[in-house]
Amino acid sequence: MAHSRRKKKLQRRFAVRRSPIHGHGVFALRLIPKGTRILEYKGELISDAEADRRYSKIHEHSPHTMLFSVDDGLVIDATRRGNSARWINHSCVPNCEIEEEKHRVFIEARRDIRPGEELAYDYNLQIGERHTKAAKREHACYCGARRCRGTMLGEEE
């Protein structure tokens, strides 16, 4: 029994731990080659309107949410039936990227990821309003990259 548990642990690609970027993070346990589909961002699939109903007041002045917008006005709510993907942090120089397929979101390696390295993708947040200095401060980035743009906000729509 212990042998099979140990073997399974060796096969895991990542683990959730405390992050120097923010709160929790997801870290590679072994080499993850470029192009590898690492995991799916899971959660309850809800409408934009339902996401607003649930969270607009709670997160009014907080950039910390576990919601992922997909096509057709739908949102994946990782606070309900979510998985480890919800702990992947933002980086301005990410080692992962997002692939969307029919209302599903997958995290894939943009390059080889070394053991111990934190997984991160560019959140490219859209807030539905001008990206003012105040908005950028409210969505500050702490990735620490040399080319950090200072915010998790993406290009204005």
N, C-alpha and C. Protein backbone atom coordinates (compact mmCIF):
# COMPACT_ATOMS: atom_id res chain seq x y z
N MET A 1 0.83 -1.19 0.00
CA MET A 1 0.00 0.00 0.00
C MET A 1 0.88 1.25 0.00
N ALA A 2 1.85 1.33 0.91
CA ALA A 2 2.72 2.51 0.99
C ALA A 2 3.51 2.67 -0.30
N HIS A 3 3.92 1.53 -0.88
CA HIS A 3 4.68 1.59 -2.13
C HIS A 3 3.87 2.23 -3.25
N SER A 4 2.60 1.85 -3.40
CA SER A 4 1.79 2.41 -4.48
C SER A 4 1.51 3.90 -4.24
N ARG A 5 1.34 4.32 -2.97
CA ARG A 5 1.13 5.73 -2.66
C ARG A 5 2.40 6.52 -3.01
N ARG A 6 3.56 5.97 -2.67
CA ARG A 6 4.82 6.63 -2.97
C ARG A 6 5.01 6.75 -4.48
N LYS A 7 4.69 5.69 -5.21
CA LYS A 7 4.82 5.70 -6.66
C LYS A 7 3.90 6.77 -7.26
N LYS A 8 2.66 6.85 -6.77
CA LYS A 8 1.72 7.85 -7.27
C LYS A 8 2.23 9.25 -6.99
N LYS A 9 2.80 9.47 -5.80
CA LYS A 9 3.33 10.79 -5.45
C LYS A 9 4.46 11.19 -6.39
N LEU A 10 5.30 10.24 -6.78
CA LEU A 10 6.40 10.52 -7.69
C LEU A 10 5.88 10.93 -9.07
N GLN A 11 4.69 10.45 -9.46
CA GLN A 11 4.15 10.74 -10.78
C GLN A 11 3.44 12.09 -10.83
N ARG A 12 3.08 12.66 -9.69
CA ARG A 12 2.40 13.96 -9.70
C ARG A 12 3.31 15.01 -10.31
N ARG A 13 2.73 15.91 -11.08
CA ARG A 13 3.51 16.95 -11.75
C ARG A 13 3.60 18.23 -10.96
N PHE A 14 2.65 18.46 -10.03
CA PHE A 14 2.60 19.74 -9.33
C PHE A 14 2.01 19.57 -7.93
N ALA A 15 2.21 20.62 -7.10
CA ALA A 15 1.65 20.66 -5.75
C ALA A 15 1.32 22.11 -5.40
N VAL A 16 0.31 22.28 -4.55
CA VAL A 16 -0.07 23.61 -4.06
C VAL A 16 0.73 23.89 -2.80
N ARG A 17 1.36 25.08 -2.76
CA ARG A 17 2.16 25.51 -1.61
C ARG A 17 2.00 27.02 -1.43
N ARG A 18 2.57 27.55 -0.35
CA ARG A 18 2.61 29.01 -0.16
C ARG A 18 3.46 29.60 -1.28
N SER A 19 3.03 30.78 -1.75
CA SER A 19 3.70 31.39 -2.89
C SER A 19 4.33 32.72 -2.51
N PRO A 20 5.53 33.01 -3.03
CA PRO A 20 6.11 34.34 -2.83
C PRO A 20 5.40 35.41 -3.66
N ILE A 21 4.61 35.00 -4.66
CA ILE A 21 3.86 35.96 -5.48
C ILE A 21 2.62 36.42 -4.73
N HIS A 22 1.80 35.45 -4.29
CA HIS A 22 0.56 35.79 -3.60
C HIS A 22 -0.08 34.54 -3.02
N GLY A 23 -0.35 34.53 -1.73
CA GLY A 23 -1.10 33.44 -1.10
C GLY A 23 -0.57 32.06 -1.44
N HIS A 24 -1.42 31.27 -2.04
CA HIS A 24 -1.04 29.93 -2.49
C HIS A 24 -0.57 30.00 -3.93
N GLY A 25 0.20 29.01 -4.33
CA GLY A 25 0.65 28.89 -5.70
C GLY A 25 0.76 27.42 -6.06
N VAL A 26 0.96 27.14 -7.32
CA VAL A 26 1.12 25.77 -7.80
C VAL A 26 2.55 25.63 -8.32
N PHE A 27 3.23 24.60 -7.84
CA PHE A 27 4.66 24.42 -8.13
C PHE A 27 4.91 23.08 -8.80
N ALA A 28 5.81 23.09 -9.78
CA ALA A 28 6.19 21.86 -10.47
C ALA A 28 6.96 20.95 -9.52
N LEU A 29 6.62 19.67 -9.53
CA LEU A 29 7.34 18.68 -8.73
C LEU A 29 8.40 17.97 -9.56
N ARG A 30 8.23 18.02 -10.86
CA ARG A 30 9.21 17.41 -11.78
C ARG A 30 9.22 18.23 -13.06
N LEU A 31 10.12 17.94 -13.94
CA LEU A 31 10.20 18.66 -15.21
C LEU A 31 8.87 18.52 -15.96
N ILE A 32 8.34 19.66 -16.41
CA ILE A 32 7.14 19.66 -17.25
C ILE A 32 7.56 20.20 -18.61
N PRO A 33 7.59 19.35 -19.63
CA PRO A 33 8.05 19.79 -20.94
C PRO A 33 7.12 20.81 -21.61
N LYS A 34 7.69 21.67 -22.42
CA LYS A 34 6.94 22.64 -23.20
C LYS A 34 5.82 21.93 -23.96
N GLY A 35 4.63 22.54 -23.97
CA GLY A 35 3.50 21.98 -24.69
C GLY A 35 2.66 21.00 -23.90
N THR A 36 3.10 20.65 -22.69
CA THR A 36 2.35 19.72 -21.87
C THR A 36 1.06 20.36 -21.36
N ARG A 37 -0.05 19.67 -21.50
CA ARG A 37 -1.32 20.11 -20.89
C ARG A 37 -1.23 19.68 -19.43
N ILE A 38 -1.14 20.64 -18.54
CA ILE A 38 -0.86 20.36 -17.13
C ILE A 38 -2.13 20.02 -16.37
N LEU A 39 -3.15 20.86 -16.49
CA LEU A 39 -4.42 20.57 -15.83
C LEU A 39 -5.51 21.46 -16.38
N GLU A 40 -6.74 21.08 -16.05
CA GLU A 40 -7.91 21.85 -16.46
C GLU A 40 -8.34 22.75 -15.31
N TYR A 41 -8.76 23.98 -15.64
CA TYR A 41 -9.32 24.90 -14.65
C TYR A 41 -10.77 24.48 -14.45
N LYS A 42 -11.05 23.89 -13.29
CA LYS A 42 -12.37 23.31 -13.04
C LYS A 42 -13.19 24.19 -12.10
N GLY A 43 -14.49 24.02 -12.20
CA GLY A 43 -15.43 24.71 -11.33
C GLY A 43 -16.82 24.65 -11.92
N GLU A 44 -17.75 25.27 -11.24
CA GLU A 44 -19.13 25.30 -11.69
C GLU A 44 -19.25 26.29 -12.85
N LEU A 45 -19.90 25.89 -13.94
CA LEU A 45 -20.11 26.75 -15.10
C LEU A 45 -21.40 27.54 -14.88
N ILE A 46 -21.27 28.87 -14.80
CA ILE A 46 -22.41 29.74 -14.53
C ILE A 46 -22.43 30.90 -15.53
N SER A 47 -23.52 31.66 -15.55
CA SER A 47 -23.62 32.82 -16.44
C SER A 47 -22.88 34.00 -15.83
N ASP A 48 -22.54 34.99 -16.69
CA ASP A 48 -21.95 36.24 -16.19
C ASP A 48 -22.86 36.88 -15.16
N ALA A 49 -24.16 36.87 -15.43
CA ALA A 49 -25.13 37.48 -14.51
C ALA A 49 -25.10 36.80 -13.15
N GLU A 50 -25.00 35.47 -13.14
CA GLU A 50 -24.94 34.74 -11.86
C GLU A 50 -23.63 35.05 -11.13
N ALA A 51 -22.54 35.16 -11.87
CA ALA A 51 -21.25 35.52 -11.25
C ALA A 51 -21.35 36.90 -10.62
N ASP A 52 -21.96 37.85 -11.33
CA ASP A 52 -22.15 39.20 -10.77
C ASP A 52 -23.01 39.14 -9.52
N ARG A 53 -24.09 38.37 -9.57
CA ARG A 53 -24.99 38.25 -8.41
C ARG A 53 -24.24 37.70 -7.20
N ARG A 54 -23.44 36.67 -7.44
CA ARG A 54 -22.72 36.02 -6.34
C ARG A 54 -21.59 36.86 -5.78
N TYR A 55 -20.85 37.55 -6.64
CA TYR A 55 -19.57 38.10 -6.21
C TYR A 55 -19.36 39.60 -6.38
N SER A 56 -20.20 40.32 -7.08
CA SER A 56 -19.90 41.73 -7.34
C SER A 56 -19.75 42.54 -6.06
N LYS A 57 -20.57 42.31 -5.06
CA LYS A 57 -20.46 43.04 -3.79
C LYS A 57 -19.29 42.53 -2.97
N ILE A 58 -19.12 41.21 -2.93
CA ILE A 58 -18.04 40.61 -2.14
C ILE A 58 -16.67 41.07 -2.63
N HIS A 59 -16.51 41.13 -3.95
CA HIS A 59 -15.20 41.44 -4.55
C HIS A 59 -15.14 42.84 -5.14
N GLU A 60 -16.03 43.71 -4.68
CA GLU A 60 -16.10 45.05 -5.25
C GLU A 60 -14.75 45.77 -5.26
N HIS A 61 -13.97 45.64 -4.20
CA HIS A 61 -12.66 46.30 -4.13
C HIS A 61 -11.54 45.28 -3.95
N SER A 62 -11.76 44.07 -4.42
CA SER A 62 -10.76 43.03 -4.28
C SER A 62 -10.46 42.40 -5.64
N PRO A 63 -9.19 42.31 -6.01
CA PRO A 63 -8.85 41.65 -7.26
C PRO A 63 -8.81 40.13 -7.11
N HIS A 64 -9.03 39.63 -5.90
CA HIS A 64 -8.91 38.19 -5.63
C HIS A 64 -10.23 37.48 -5.89
N THR A 65 -10.34 36.84 -7.03
CA THR A 65 -11.50 36.02 -7.35
C THR A 65 -11.01 34.72 -7.95
N MET A 66 -11.90 33.78 -8.02
CA MET A 66 -11.58 32.49 -8.64
C MET A 66 -12.59 32.23 -9.74
N LEU A 67 -12.74 33.23 -10.60
CA LEU A 67 -13.67 33.17 -11.72
C LEU A 67 -12.88 33.27 -13.01
N PHE A 68 -13.29 32.48 -14.00
CA PHE A 68 -12.61 32.49 -15.29
C PHE A 68 -13.66 32.63 -16.38
N SER A 69 -13.66 33.76 -17.10
CA SER A 69 -14.62 33.99 -18.17
C SER A 69 -14.28 33.15 -19.39
N VAL A 70 -15.31 32.51 -19.93
CA VAL A 70 -15.16 31.75 -21.17
C VAL A 70 -16.18 32.29 -22.18
N ASP A 71 -16.32 31.67 -23.31
CA ASP A 71 -17.21 32.15 -24.37
C ASP A 71 -18.68 32.11 -23.97
N ASP A 72 -19.49 32.80 -24.76
CA ASP A 72 -20.96 32.77 -24.65
C ASP A 72 -21.48 33.30 -23.32
N GLY A 73 -20.76 34.27 -22.71
CA GLY A 73 -21.24 34.86 -21.47
C GLY A 73 -21.24 33.91 -20.29
N LEU A 74 -20.34 32.94 -20.30
CA LEU A 74 -20.25 31.97 -19.22
C LEU A 74 -18.96 32.17 -18.42
N VAL A 75 -19.01 31.70 -17.18
CA VAL A 75 -17.90 31.86 -16.25
C VAL A 75 -17.70 30.54 -15.51
N ILE A 76 -16.44 30.17 -15.33
CA ILE A 76 -16.12 29.01 -14.48
C ILE A 76 -15.88 29.55 -13.08
N ASP A 77 -16.68 29.11 -12.13
CA ASP A 77 -16.56 29.52 -10.72
C ASP A 77 -15.79 28.44 -9.97
N ALA A 78 -14.49 28.66 -9.78
CA ALA A 78 -13.63 27.67 -9.13
C ALA A 78 -13.81 27.62 -7.62
N THR A 79 -14.61 28.56 -7.05
CA THR A 79 -14.88 28.47 -5.61
C THR A 79 -15.86 27.32 -5.33
N ARG A 80 -16.51 26.83 -6.38
CA ARG A 80 -17.44 25.72 -6.27
C ARG A 80 -16.98 24.61 -7.22
N ARG A 81 -16.61 23.50 -6.64
CA ARG A 81 -16.12 22.33 -7.39
C ARG A 81 -14.83 22.62 -8.16
N GLY A 82 -14.03 23.57 -7.64
CA GLY A 82 -12.77 23.91 -8.29
C GLY A 82 -11.66 22.93 -7.93
N ASN A 83 -10.52 23.11 -8.56
CA ASN A 83 -9.37 22.24 -8.31
C ASN A 83 -8.12 23.10 -8.09
N SER A 84 -6.97 22.50 -8.12
CA SER A 84 -5.71 23.19 -7.86
C SER A 84 -5.42 24.32 -8.83
N ALA A 85 -6.00 24.29 -10.02
CA ALA A 85 -5.73 25.34 -11.02
C ALA A 85 -6.11 26.72 -10.49
N ARG A 86 -7.06 26.80 -9.57
CA ARG A 86 -7.49 28.10 -9.05
C ARG A 86 -6.38 28.81 -8.28
N TRP A 87 -5.33 28.08 -7.90
CA TRP A 87 -4.23 28.66 -7.14
C TRP A 87 -3.07 29.09 -8.03
N ILE A 88 -3.17 28.93 -9.34
CA ILE A 88 -2.09 29.37 -10.23
C ILE A 88 -2.12 30.89 -10.28
N ASN A 89 -0.98 31.49 -9.98
CA ASN A 89 -0.87 32.95 -9.93
C ASN A 89 -0.57 33.56 -11.29
N HIS A 90 -0.74 34.87 -11.33
CA HIS A 90 -0.43 35.67 -12.52
C HIS A 90 1.07 35.96 -12.59
N SER A 91 1.57 36.06 -13.80
CA SER A 91 2.92 36.57 -14.04
C SER A 91 2.92 37.33 -15.35
N CYS A 92 3.68 38.40 -15.38
CA CYS A 92 3.85 39.18 -16.61
C CYS A 92 4.77 38.46 -17.59
N VAL A 93 5.54 37.50 -17.10
CA VAL A 93 6.41 36.66 -17.92
C VAL A 93 6.08 35.21 -17.57
N PRO A 94 4.93 34.73 -18.04
CA PRO A 94 4.42 33.42 -17.61
C PRO A 94 5.14 32.24 -18.24
N ASN A 95 5.08 31.11 -17.53
CA ASN A 95 5.61 29.86 -18.07
C ASN A 95 4.48 28.96 -18.57
N CYS A 96 3.22 29.40 -18.36
CA CYS A 96 2.05 28.66 -18.81
C CYS A 96 1.16 29.55 -19.65
N GLU A 97 0.27 28.93 -20.40
CA GLU A 97 -0.72 29.67 -21.16
C GLU A 97 -2.05 28.93 -21.09
N ILE A 98 -3.09 29.63 -21.50
CA ILE A 98 -4.45 29.12 -21.42
C ILE A 98 -4.88 28.65 -22.80
N GLU A 99 -5.54 27.51 -22.83
CA GLU A 99 -6.17 27.01 -24.04
C GLU A 99 -7.65 26.78 -23.71
N GLU A 100 -8.53 27.41 -24.46
CA GLU A 100 -9.97 27.23 -24.26
C GLU A 100 -10.52 26.30 -25.32
N GLU A 101 -11.35 25.36 -24.86
CA GLU A 101 -12.01 24.42 -25.77
C GLU A 101 -13.44 24.20 -25.28
N LYS A 102 -14.41 24.73 -26.00
CA LYS A 102 -15.82 24.49 -25.70
C LYS A 102 -16.16 24.67 -24.23
N HIS A 103 -15.97 25.88 -23.72
CA HIS A 103 -16.29 26.24 -22.33
C HIS A 103 -15.41 25.54 -21.31
N ARG A 104 -14.30 25.00 -21.74
CA ARG A 104 -13.33 24.39 -20.82
C ARG A 104 -12.02 25.15 -20.99
N VAL A 105 -11.27 25.23 -19.89
CA VAL A 105 -10.01 25.96 -19.89
C VAL A 105 -8.91 25.00 -19.42
N PHE A 106 -7.83 24.96 -20.18
CA PHE A 106 -6.69 24.10 -19.84
C PHE A 106 -5.45 24.97 -19.68
N ILE A 107 -4.60 24.58 -18.74
CA ILE A 107 -3.33 25.27 -18.52
C ILE A 107 -2.24 24.40 -19.15
N GLU A 108 -1.45 25.02 -20.04
CA GLU A 108 -0.40 24.30 -20.75
C GLU A 108 0.94 25.00 -20.56
N ALA A 109 2.00 24.23 -20.62
CA ALA A 109 3.36 24.76 -20.46
C ALA A 109 3.79 25.50 -21.72
N ARG A 110 4.18 26.78 -21.59
CA ARG A 110 4.69 27.59 -22.71
C ARG A 110 6.13 27.25 -23.03
N ARG A 111 6.81 26.73 -22.01
CA ARG A 111 8.22 26.37 -22.14
C ARG A 111 8.47 25.25 -21.14
N ASP A 112 9.65 24.68 -21.15
CA ASP A 112 9.99 23.68 -20.14
C ASP A 112 9.93 24.34 -18.76
N ILE A 113 9.31 23.66 -17.80
CA ILE A 113 9.19 24.18 -16.44
C ILE A 113 9.99 23.26 -15.52
N ARG A 114 10.93 23.84 -14.80
CA ARG A 114 11.83 23.08 -13.93
C ARG A 114 11.16 22.68 -12.62
N PRO A 115 11.58 21.60 -11.99
CA PRO A 115 11.06 21.23 -10.68
C PRO A 115 11.26 22.37 -9.68
N GLY A 116 10.24 22.65 -8.88
CA GLY A 116 10.30 23.71 -7.89
C GLY A 116 9.84 25.06 -8.39
N GLU A 117 9.70 25.21 -9.70
CA GLU A 117 9.28 26.47 -10.30
C GLU A 117 7.76 26.64 -10.14
N GLU A 118 7.35 27.87 -9.83
CA GLU A 118 5.92 28.15 -9.69
C GLU A 118 5.27 28.30 -11.07
N LEU A 119 4.13 27.66 -11.25
CA LEU A 119 3.37 27.79 -12.48
C LEU A 119 2.65 29.14 -12.47
N ALA A 120 2.61 29.81 -13.61
CA ALA A 120 1.93 31.10 -13.70
C ALA A 120 1.51 31.36 -15.14
N TYR A 121 0.40 32.07 -15.29
CA TYR A 121 -0.02 32.53 -16.61
C TYR A 121 -0.42 33.99 -16.51
N ASP A 122 -0.53 34.65 -17.64
CA ASP A 122 -0.91 36.06 -17.68
C ASP A 122 -2.43 36.13 -17.57
N TYR A 123 -2.94 36.69 -16.48
CA TYR A 123 -4.39 36.77 -16.27
C TYR A 123 -5.07 37.64 -17.32
N ASN A 124 -4.37 38.65 -17.85
CA ASN A 124 -4.95 39.50 -18.87
C ASN A 124 -6.35 39.96 -18.45
N LEU A 125 -6.49 40.43 -17.22
CA LEU A 125 -7.79 40.81 -16.68
C LEU A 125 -8.43 41.95 -17.46
N GLN A 126 -9.73 41.83 -17.65
CA GLN A 126 -10.55 42.86 -18.27
C GLN A 126 -11.60 43.27 -17.24
N ILE A 127 -11.71 44.56 -16.97
CA ILE A 127 -12.61 45.01 -15.91
C ILE A 127 -13.82 45.79 -16.42
N GLY A 128 -13.94 45.91 -17.73
CA GLY A 128 -15.10 46.57 -18.30
C GLY A 128 -15.12 48.08 -18.13
N GLU A 129 -13.98 48.66 -17.84
CA GLU A 129 -13.87 50.12 -17.69
C GLU A 129 -12.45 50.52 -18.04
N ARG A 130 -12.21 51.84 -18.11
CA ARG A 130 -10.86 52.33 -18.41
C ARG A 130 -9.87 51.81 -17.38
N HIS A 131 -8.68 51.55 -17.84
CA HIS A 131 -7.61 51.09 -16.96
C HIS A 131 -6.89 52.30 -16.38
N THR A 132 -7.50 52.93 -15.42
CA THR A 132 -6.93 54.10 -14.77
C THR A 132 -5.77 53.68 -13.87
N LYS A 133 -5.02 54.67 -13.38
CA LYS A 133 -3.94 54.37 -12.43
C LYS A 133 -4.50 53.67 -11.20
N ALA A 134 -5.66 54.12 -10.73
CA ALA A 134 -6.29 53.51 -9.55
C ALA A 134 -6.67 52.06 -9.84
N ALA A 135 -7.23 51.79 -11.01
CA ALA A 135 -7.61 50.42 -11.38
C ALA A 135 -6.37 49.53 -11.47
N LYS A 136 -5.30 50.07 -12.02
CA LYS A 136 -4.06 49.30 -12.11
C LYS A 136 -3.50 48.99 -10.72
N ARG A 137 -3.60 49.96 -9.80
CA ARG A 137 -3.15 49.73 -8.42
C ARG A 137 -4.01 48.67 -7.74
N GLU A 138 -5.32 48.71 -7.97
CA GLU A 138 -6.24 47.72 -7.37
C GLU A 138 -5.96 46.32 -7.88
N HIS A 139 -5.37 46.21 -9.06
CA HIS A 139 -5.05 44.92 -9.67
C HIS A 139 -3.53 44.80 -9.84
N ALA A 140 -2.81 45.21 -8.81
CA ALA A 140 -1.34 45.22 -8.86
C ALA A 140 -0.79 43.81 -9.05
N CYS A 141 0.32 43.75 -9.74
CA CYS A 141 1.02 42.50 -9.96
C CYS A 141 2.23 42.43 -9.02
N TYR A 142 2.46 41.25 -8.48
CA TYR A 142 3.60 41.03 -7.58
C TYR A 142 4.49 39.89 -8.08
N CYS A 143 4.49 39.69 -9.41
CA CYS A 143 5.22 38.54 -9.96
C CYS A 143 6.74 38.66 -9.79
N GLY A 144 7.25 39.88 -9.72
CA GLY A 144 8.68 40.07 -9.52
C GLY A 144 9.53 39.91 -10.76
N ALA A 145 8.90 39.75 -11.91
CA ALA A 145 9.65 39.60 -13.17
C ALA A 145 10.35 40.92 -13.52
N ARG A 146 11.51 40.82 -14.16
CA ARG A 146 12.23 42.02 -14.59
C ARG A 146 11.37 42.88 -15.52
N ARG A 147 10.53 42.24 -16.32
CA ARG A 147 9.68 42.97 -17.26
C ARG A 147 8.24 43.07 -16.74
N CYS A 148 8.06 43.11 -15.43
CA CYS A 148 6.73 43.21 -14.84
C CYS A 148 6.08 44.52 -15.26
N ARG A 149 4.82 44.46 -15.69
CA ARG A 149 4.12 45.68 -16.10
C ARG A 149 3.40 46.34 -14.93
N GLY A 150 3.46 45.69 -13.75
CA GLY A 150 2.92 46.30 -12.53
C GLY A 150 1.44 46.08 -12.30
N THR A 151 0.77 45.41 -13.24
CA THR A 151 -0.67 45.18 -13.10
C THR A 151 -1.04 43.85 -13.76
N MET A 152 -2.12 43.25 -13.24
CA MET A 152 -2.65 42.03 -13.85
C MET A 152 -3.61 42.33 -14.98
N LEU A 153 -3.93 43.62 -15.18
CA LEU A 153 -4.82 44.03 -16.25
C LEU A 153 -4.14 43.82 -17.59
N GLY A 154 -4.94 43.38 -18.57
CA GLY A 154 -4.42 43.22 -19.91
C GLY A 154 -4.65 44.47 -20.73
N GLU A 155 -4.50 44.36 -22.02
CA GLU A 155 -4.76 45.49 -22.92
C GLU A 155 -6.23 45.86 -22.80
N GLU A 156 -6.53 47.16 -22.85
CA GLU A 156 -7.92 47.59 -22.78
C GLU A 156 -8.69 47.11 -24.00
N GLU A 157 -9.94 46.75 -23.75
CA GLU A 157 -10.78 46.25 -24.85
C GLU A 157 -11.27 47.38 -25.71
